[in-house]
Protein backbone atom coordinates (compact mmCIF):
# COMPACT_ATOMS: atom_id res chain seq x y z
CA MET A 1 67.69 0.78 -0.56
CA MET A 2 67.07 4.51 -0.15
CA LYS A 3 69.57 6.33 2.03
CA ALA A 4 68.64 7.53 5.49
CA ASN A 5 67.54 11.16 5.21
CA ILE A 6 69.17 13.21 7.97
CA VAL A 7 69.49 16.91 8.83
CA VAL A 8 72.12 18.04 11.32
CA VAL A 9 71.83 21.50 12.87
CA GLY A 10 74.93 22.68 14.70
CA SER A 11 78.49 23.87 14.89
CA SER A 12 81.55 23.76 12.66
CA ASN A 13 85.02 24.35 14.09
CA THR A 14 88.63 23.99 13.13
CA ASP A 15 90.31 21.81 15.75
CA MET A 16 93.85 22.76 16.81
CA ILE A 17 95.22 19.67 18.51
CA ILE A 18 98.31 19.21 20.67
CA LYS A 19 99.25 15.64 21.59
CA LEU A 20 101.07 15.41 24.93
CA ASP A 21 102.15 12.78 27.44
CA ARG A 22 99.40 14.14 29.67
CA ILE A 23 96.99 17.07 29.79
CA PRO A 24 98.52 20.13 31.57
CA LYS A 25 97.28 21.09 35.01
CA PRO A 26 96.06 24.67 35.65
CA GLY A 27 99.04 27.03 35.48
CA GLU A 28 101.32 24.36 33.99
CA THR A 29 103.16 24.48 30.65
CA ARG A 30 104.18 21.26 28.96
CA LEU A 31 106.65 20.95 26.09
CA GLY A 32 107.23 18.51 23.28
CA GLY A 33 103.70 18.04 22.01
CA GLU A 34 102.87 17.20 18.40
CA PHE A 35 100.60 19.81 16.76
CA LEU A 36 98.04 19.24 14.03
CA THR A 37 94.80 20.74 12.74
CA ALA A 38 91.64 18.91 11.71
CA ALA A 39 88.05 19.70 10.84
CA GLY A 40 85.75 19.58 13.86
CA GLY A 41 82.74 21.08 15.61
CA LYS A 42 80.11 18.81 17.13
CA GLY A 43 77.56 19.46 14.41
CA ALA A 44 79.99 19.00 11.53
CA ASN A 45 81.47 15.92 13.19
CA GLN A 46 78.04 14.34 13.48
CA ALA A 47 77.15 15.25 9.90
CA VAL A 48 80.34 13.66 8.55
CA ALA A 49 79.91 10.60 10.79
CA ALA A 50 76.36 10.12 9.50
CA ALA A 51 77.44 10.54 5.88
CA ARG A 52 80.25 8.01 6.24
CA ALA A 53 77.88 5.61 7.97
CA GLY A 54 75.65 5.66 4.90
CA GLY A 55 73.24 8.55 5.42
CA SER A 56 72.11 11.31 3.06
CA VAL A 57 72.96 14.33 5.18
CA ALA A 58 72.20 18.06 5.01
CA PHE A 59 73.99 20.40 7.42
CA VAL A 60 72.66 23.71 8.80
CA ALA A 61 75.45 25.94 10.14
CA ARG A 62 77.45 29.17 9.94
CA VAL A 63 81.18 29.49 9.25
CA GLY A 64 83.44 32.51 8.88
CA GLN A 65 84.48 34.20 5.65
CA ASP A 66 88.02 32.98 6.19
CA MET A 67 90.41 30.16 5.40
CA PHE A 68 89.01 27.95 8.16
CA GLY A 69 85.45 28.40 6.90
CA GLU A 70 86.41 27.58 3.33
CA GLN A 71 88.31 24.49 4.46
CA ALA A 72 85.42 23.35 6.62
CA VAL A 73 82.91 23.56 3.79
CA ALA A 74 85.29 21.84 1.37
CA GLY A 75 85.75 19.00 3.84
CA LEU A 76 82.01 18.57 4.27
CA VAL A 77 81.51 18.44 0.50
CA GLU A 78 84.33 15.92 0.18
CA ASN A 79 82.50 13.68 2.64
CA GLY A 80 79.23 13.93 0.73
CA VAL A 81 77.41 16.34 3.05
CA ASP A 82 74.87 18.74 1.50
CA VAL A 83 76.08 22.26 2.40
CA GLN A 84 73.35 24.39 0.81
CA PHE A 85 72.29 25.54 4.31
CA VAL A 86 75.82 26.40 5.48
CA GLN A 87 76.18 30.19 5.44
CA PHE A 88 79.30 32.36 5.56
CA ASP A 89 79.34 34.99 8.30
CA LYS A 90 81.47 38.08 8.97
CA ALA A 91 82.38 36.60 12.35
CA PRO A 92 85.45 34.34 12.35
CA SER A 93 85.04 30.60 12.05
CA GLY A 94 84.78 28.63 15.25
CA VAL A 95 87.95 27.07 16.63
CA ALA A 96 88.61 24.43 19.28
CA LEU A 97 91.88 24.12 21.19
CA ILE A 98 92.35 20.47 22.16
CA PHE A 99 94.93 18.79 24.39
CA VAL A 100 95.13 15.01 23.95
CA GLY A 101 97.04 12.86 26.47
CA GLU A 102 98.74 9.53 25.83
CA ASP A 103 95.72 7.78 27.34
CA GLY A 104 93.51 9.28 24.62
CA GLU A 105 91.59 11.55 26.99
CA ASN A 106 91.20 15.21 26.06
CA SER A 107 90.59 18.73 27.30
CA ILE A 108 88.84 21.19 24.99
CA ALA A 109 88.20 24.95 24.87
CA VAL A 110 86.02 26.39 22.10
CA GLY A 111 85.94 29.84 20.52
CA SER A 112 82.41 29.86 19.06
CA GLY A 113 82.87 32.56 16.42
CA ALA A 114 80.29 32.23 13.64
CA ASN A 115 78.59 29.35 15.44
CA ALA A 116 77.12 31.86 17.88
CA LYS A 117 75.43 33.63 14.95
CA LEU A 118 73.41 30.59 13.81
CA SER A 119 69.85 31.87 14.19
CA PRO A 120 66.28 30.56 14.19
CA ALA A 121 65.89 32.28 10.81
CA ASP A 122 68.76 30.18 9.46
CA VAL A 123 66.97 27.05 10.60
CA ARG A 124 63.69 28.15 9.02
CA LYS A 125 65.47 28.45 5.68
CA ALA A 126 65.96 24.68 5.92
CA LYS A 127 62.32 24.07 6.91
CA ALA A 128 61.53 21.99 3.81
CA ALA A 129 64.58 19.77 4.33
CA ILE A 130 63.74 19.33 8.01
CA ALA A 131 60.14 18.45 7.14
CA ASP A 132 61.41 15.76 4.76
CA ALA A 133 63.99 14.32 7.17
CA ASP A 134 63.73 10.95 8.88
CA VAL A 135 66.02 12.13 11.69
CA VAL A 136 67.12 15.60 12.82
CA VAL A 137 70.20 15.89 15.05
CA MET A 138 71.24 18.83 17.25
CA GLN A 139 73.82 19.67 19.92
CA LEU A 140 74.43 22.65 22.21
CA GLU A 141 77.33 24.51 20.55
CA SER A 142 74.69 26.72 18.87
CA PRO A 143 72.39 29.30 20.52
CA LEU A 144 69.66 27.60 22.55
CA GLU A 145 66.84 29.46 20.79
CA THR A 146 68.15 28.08 17.48
CA VAL A 147 68.18 24.54 18.87
CA GLU A 148 64.62 25.00 20.16
CA THR A 149 63.44 26.19 16.74
CA ALA A 150 65.02 23.18 15.04
CA ALA A 151 63.44 20.83 17.56
CA ARG A 152 59.96 22.33 17.06
CA LEU A 153 60.19 22.15 13.27
CA ALA A 154 61.52 18.60 13.35
CA ALA A 155 58.84 17.39 15.75
CA ALA A 156 56.13 19.06 13.68
CA GLY A 157 57.41 17.25 10.59
CA GLY A 158 57.33 13.88 12.31
CA ALA A 159 61.09 13.32 12.39
CA THR A 160 62.93 11.46 15.09
CA VAL A 161 64.58 14.31 17.02
CA ILE A 162 67.99 13.55 18.57
CA LEU A 163 69.54 16.05 20.97
CA ASN A 164 73.11 15.49 22.11
CA PRO A 165 73.18 17.83 25.16
CA ALA A 166 76.81 18.86 24.84
CA PRO A 167 78.41 21.04 26.01
CA ALA A 168 76.28 20.45 29.10
CA GLN A 169 73.90 23.15 30.27
CA PRO A 170 70.48 23.26 31.95
CA LEU A 171 67.60 22.63 29.54
CA SER A 172 63.98 23.71 29.69
CA ASP A 173 60.94 21.44 29.55
CA LYS A 174 59.89 23.59 26.58
CA LEU A 175 62.80 22.11 24.63
CA LEU A 176 62.80 18.60 26.08
CA LYS A 177 59.15 17.96 25.19
CA HIS A 178 60.16 17.99 21.51
CA ILE A 179 63.05 15.53 21.92
CA THR A 180 62.59 11.93 20.84
CA ILE A 181 66.04 10.76 21.93
CA LEU A 182 68.42 12.49 24.36
CA THR A 183 72.04 11.25 24.33
CA PRO A 184 73.96 12.62 27.33
CA ASN A 185 77.23 11.18 28.61
CA GLU A 186 77.76 10.55 32.32
CA SER A 187 78.75 14.10 33.30
CA GLU A 188 76.00 15.66 31.19
CA THR A 189 73.47 13.30 32.76
CA GLU A 190 74.56 14.37 36.24
CA LEU A 191 74.24 18.06 35.36
CA LEU A 192 70.75 17.56 33.92
CA THR A 193 69.41 15.32 36.69
CA GLY A 194 71.62 15.58 39.76
CA VAL A 195 72.15 11.81 39.61
CA ARG A 196 75.76 10.59 39.62
CA ILE A 197 76.09 7.71 37.17
CA SER A 198 77.76 4.71 38.81
CA ASP A 199 75.75 1.67 37.71
CA ASP A 200 72.65 0.60 35.80
CA ALA A 201 70.35 1.53 38.68
CA SER A 202 71.61 5.13 38.64
CA CYS A 203 71.11 5.19 34.86
CA VAL A 204 67.48 4.18 35.38
CA ARG A 205 66.94 6.90 38.01
CA ALA A 206 68.44 9.59 35.80
CA ALA A 207 66.53 8.45 32.73
CA ASP A 208 63.26 8.44 34.67
CA ILE A 209 63.83 12.09 35.59
CA LEU A 210 64.48 13.09 31.98
CA ARG A 211 61.58 11.06 30.61
CA ALA A 212 59.27 12.66 33.18
CA ARG A 213 60.24 16.03 31.67
CA GLY A 214 59.08 14.98 28.20
CA VAL A 215 61.95 13.09 26.56
CA GLU A 216 60.75 9.86 24.96
CA THR A 217 63.97 7.81 25.04
CA VAL A 218 67.22 8.44 26.91
CA ILE A 219 70.52 6.90 25.79
CA ILE A 220 73.30 7.51 28.32
CA THR A 221 76.68 6.98 26.69
CA LEU A 222 79.21 5.27 28.95
CA GLY A 223 82.44 5.30 26.95
CA SER A 224 84.06 1.88 26.73
CA GLN A 225 81.23 0.46 28.84
CA GLY A 226 78.73 1.00 26.03
CA ALA A 227 75.43 2.83 26.47
CA PHE A 228 72.32 2.53 28.62
CA VAL A 229 68.97 2.75 26.83
CA ALA A 230 65.77 3.74 28.64
CA SER A 231 62.62 3.91 26.50
CA PRO A 232 58.89 3.44 27.17
CA THR A 233 59.37 -0.32 26.67
CA LEU A 234 62.84 -1.20 27.98
CA SER A 235 65.77 -0.31 30.21
CA GLU A 236 68.95 -2.05 29.12
CA ARG A 237 72.70 -1.59 28.86
CA VAL A 238 74.17 -2.22 25.40
CA PRO A 239 77.83 -3.32 25.79
CA GLY A 240 80.59 -1.41 24.05
CA TYR A 241 83.42 -2.70 21.88
CA SER A 242 87.00 -3.12 23.04
CA ALA A 243 89.35 -0.47 21.63
CA LYS A 244 92.74 1.00 22.48
CA PRO A 245 92.05 4.76 22.61
CA VAL A 246 94.32 7.19 20.80
CA ASP A 247 91.98 10.21 20.75
CA THR A 248 88.47 10.23 22.26
CA THR A 249 87.58 13.72 21.00
CA ALA A 250 84.85 12.69 18.56
CA ALA A 251 83.64 9.42 20.10
CA GLY A 252 80.31 10.91 21.16
CA ASP A 253 79.80 12.78 17.89
CA THR A 254 80.53 9.65 15.87
CA PHE A 255 78.11 7.70 18.06
CA ASN A 256 75.34 10.23 17.43
CA GLY A 257 75.91 10.38 13.67
CA ALA A 258 75.85 6.60 13.32
CA LEU A 259 72.83 6.34 15.63
CA ALA A 260 70.90 8.74 13.40
CA VAL A 261 71.61 6.61 10.34
CA ALA A 262 70.58 3.36 12.00
CA LEU A 263 67.33 4.81 13.34
CA ALA A 264 66.49 6.35 9.97
CA GLU A 265 66.95 2.88 8.48
CA ARG A 266 64.22 1.58 10.79
CA VAL A 267 66.20 -0.80 12.95
CA SER A 268 65.37 -1.52 16.59
CA ILE A 269 66.71 0.89 19.18
CA LEU A 270 69.07 -1.77 20.58
CA GLU A 271 70.49 -2.63 17.17
CA ALA A 272 70.89 1.08 16.42
CA VAL A 273 72.87 1.57 19.63
CA ARG A 274 75.09 -1.44 18.88
CA PHE A 275 75.84 0.08 15.46
CA ALA A 276 76.59 3.46 17.07
CA ASN A 277 78.78 1.85 19.75
CA ALA A 278 80.85 0.20 17.03
CA ALA A 279 81.29 3.49 15.17
CA GLY A 280 82.37 5.27 18.34
CA ALA A 281 84.83 2.51 19.24
CA ILE A 282 86.51 2.73 15.85
CA SER A 283 86.77 6.52 16.06
CA VAL A 284 88.81 6.53 19.28
CA THR A 285 91.59 4.54 17.59
CA ARG A 286 92.37 7.49 15.29
CA VAL A 287 93.51 11.09 15.77
CA GLY A 288 91.23 13.99 14.88
CA ALA A 289 87.48 14.49 14.94
CA GLN A 290 86.10 14.15 11.43
CA PRO A 291 89.10 12.15 10.16
CA SER A 292 88.33 9.49 12.79
CA ALA A 293 84.77 8.76 11.60
CA PRO A 294 84.55 5.22 10.16
CA THR A 295 82.94 4.13 6.91
CA ARG A 296 79.81 2.01 6.74
CA ARG A 297 81.88 -1.02 5.76
CA GLU A 298 84.20 -0.58 8.75
CA ILE A 299 81.26 -0.38 11.15
CA GLU A 300 79.53 -3.42 9.68
CA LYS A 301 82.76 -5.39 9.87
CA LEU A 302 82.98 -4.72 13.62
CA VAL A 303 79.33 -5.55 14.32
CA LYS A 304 79.66 -8.56 11.98
CA GLY A 305 76.64 -7.89 9.85
CA LYS A 306 74.38 -5.38 8.17
CA LEU A 307 71.49 -3.58 9.79
CA SER A 308 68.16 -5.42 9.78
CA ARG A 309 65.27 -3.16 8.89
CA THR A 310 61.95 -3.48 10.71
CA ASP A 311 58.50 -2.79 9.30
CA ALA A 312 58.14 0.37 11.37
CA PRO A 313 57.76 3.69 9.51
CA ALA A 314 60.88 5.76 9.03
CA LYS A 315 59.05 8.92 10.06
CA HIS A 316 56.57 9.53 12.86
CA SER A 317 52.94 10.23 12.16
CA LYS A 318 51.15 12.47 14.62
CA ASN A 319 50.14 9.39 16.60
CA GLY A 320 52.95 7.17 15.35
CA SER A 321 55.66 5.31 17.14
CA LEU A 322 59.37 4.76 17.13
CA ALA A 323 60.86 1.60 15.68
CA ASN A 324 61.62 0.60 19.28
CA GLY A 325 57.94 0.51 20.15
CA GLY A 326 57.81 3.77 22.09
CA SER A 327 54.75 5.96 21.72
CA ARG A 328 55.23 9.29 20.01
CA ARG A 329 53.85 12.51 21.47
CA ARG A 330 51.47 14.68 19.51
CA ALA A 331 53.19 16.81 16.90
CA VAL A 332 53.32 20.52 17.63
CA ALA A 333 52.74 23.37 15.23
CA SER A 334 55.79 24.91 13.65
CA PRO A 335 56.41 28.63 14.15
């Protein structure tokens, strides 16, 4: 079986993690925390998660000409990620300062560094890879104009376009009309729609708002409660898997990476979300972002089986459809 062909456009950071009994309050200093560093950045996390889940992954990013940048690229290569579109910049590598409490919850501050220099021109250098991709994944730790360029190119090439709208910020209809699947968590959903997520009915209301703005399918991630899927043909909650959280930092990134692989392998949207839920559940039982991403075998062991391919095409035609039965909008011209 050919590997899922995935391009991830996004950020690469070095995570500096302090484990504490609880996250400090504003103005408070807490002592006694364990310190460690790990590779991170939402884009890099998703690329590694997809590679470990069985995908063939290319990553488009910028890192600094420093120790952190060199370590980040080496880690990506070690995990089987294609780094030909990762460029070194004079700006320092991105860093994330992360507090993790005993309950596994976290608080994060990011210094963007070279991530802020990722440009539309950088994305266009990967145009051929994007055109050949089954799935293209993006987040919002990169400049918005760069994300918009990636979305346009991916949609024009017929790829399934996944946008993980994190960190949360308002998004234009110009961007959303190119998005096949939007994957906000509860707080991101509220920022984008004004709807506070409290139950399935509120998920439906929020998803309706986003789909009216051009998004084809909305998957609202709900932590241990699973995820709510709203597509042109269904609205359904997919239950999560029980896990004792140690560090939830990369749960969403791992979910998105695994989701991309499953969709590229032509499974139904519900089966893809079950696969992604399992990957995310495993990740929270481990410390660190990229180190927490599970292997394909680990995910399949939790879901108790391998993915079942459908007969749907891996890529969209101009008038094609998703494997979940949703209609695909007309492709738009690339810049």
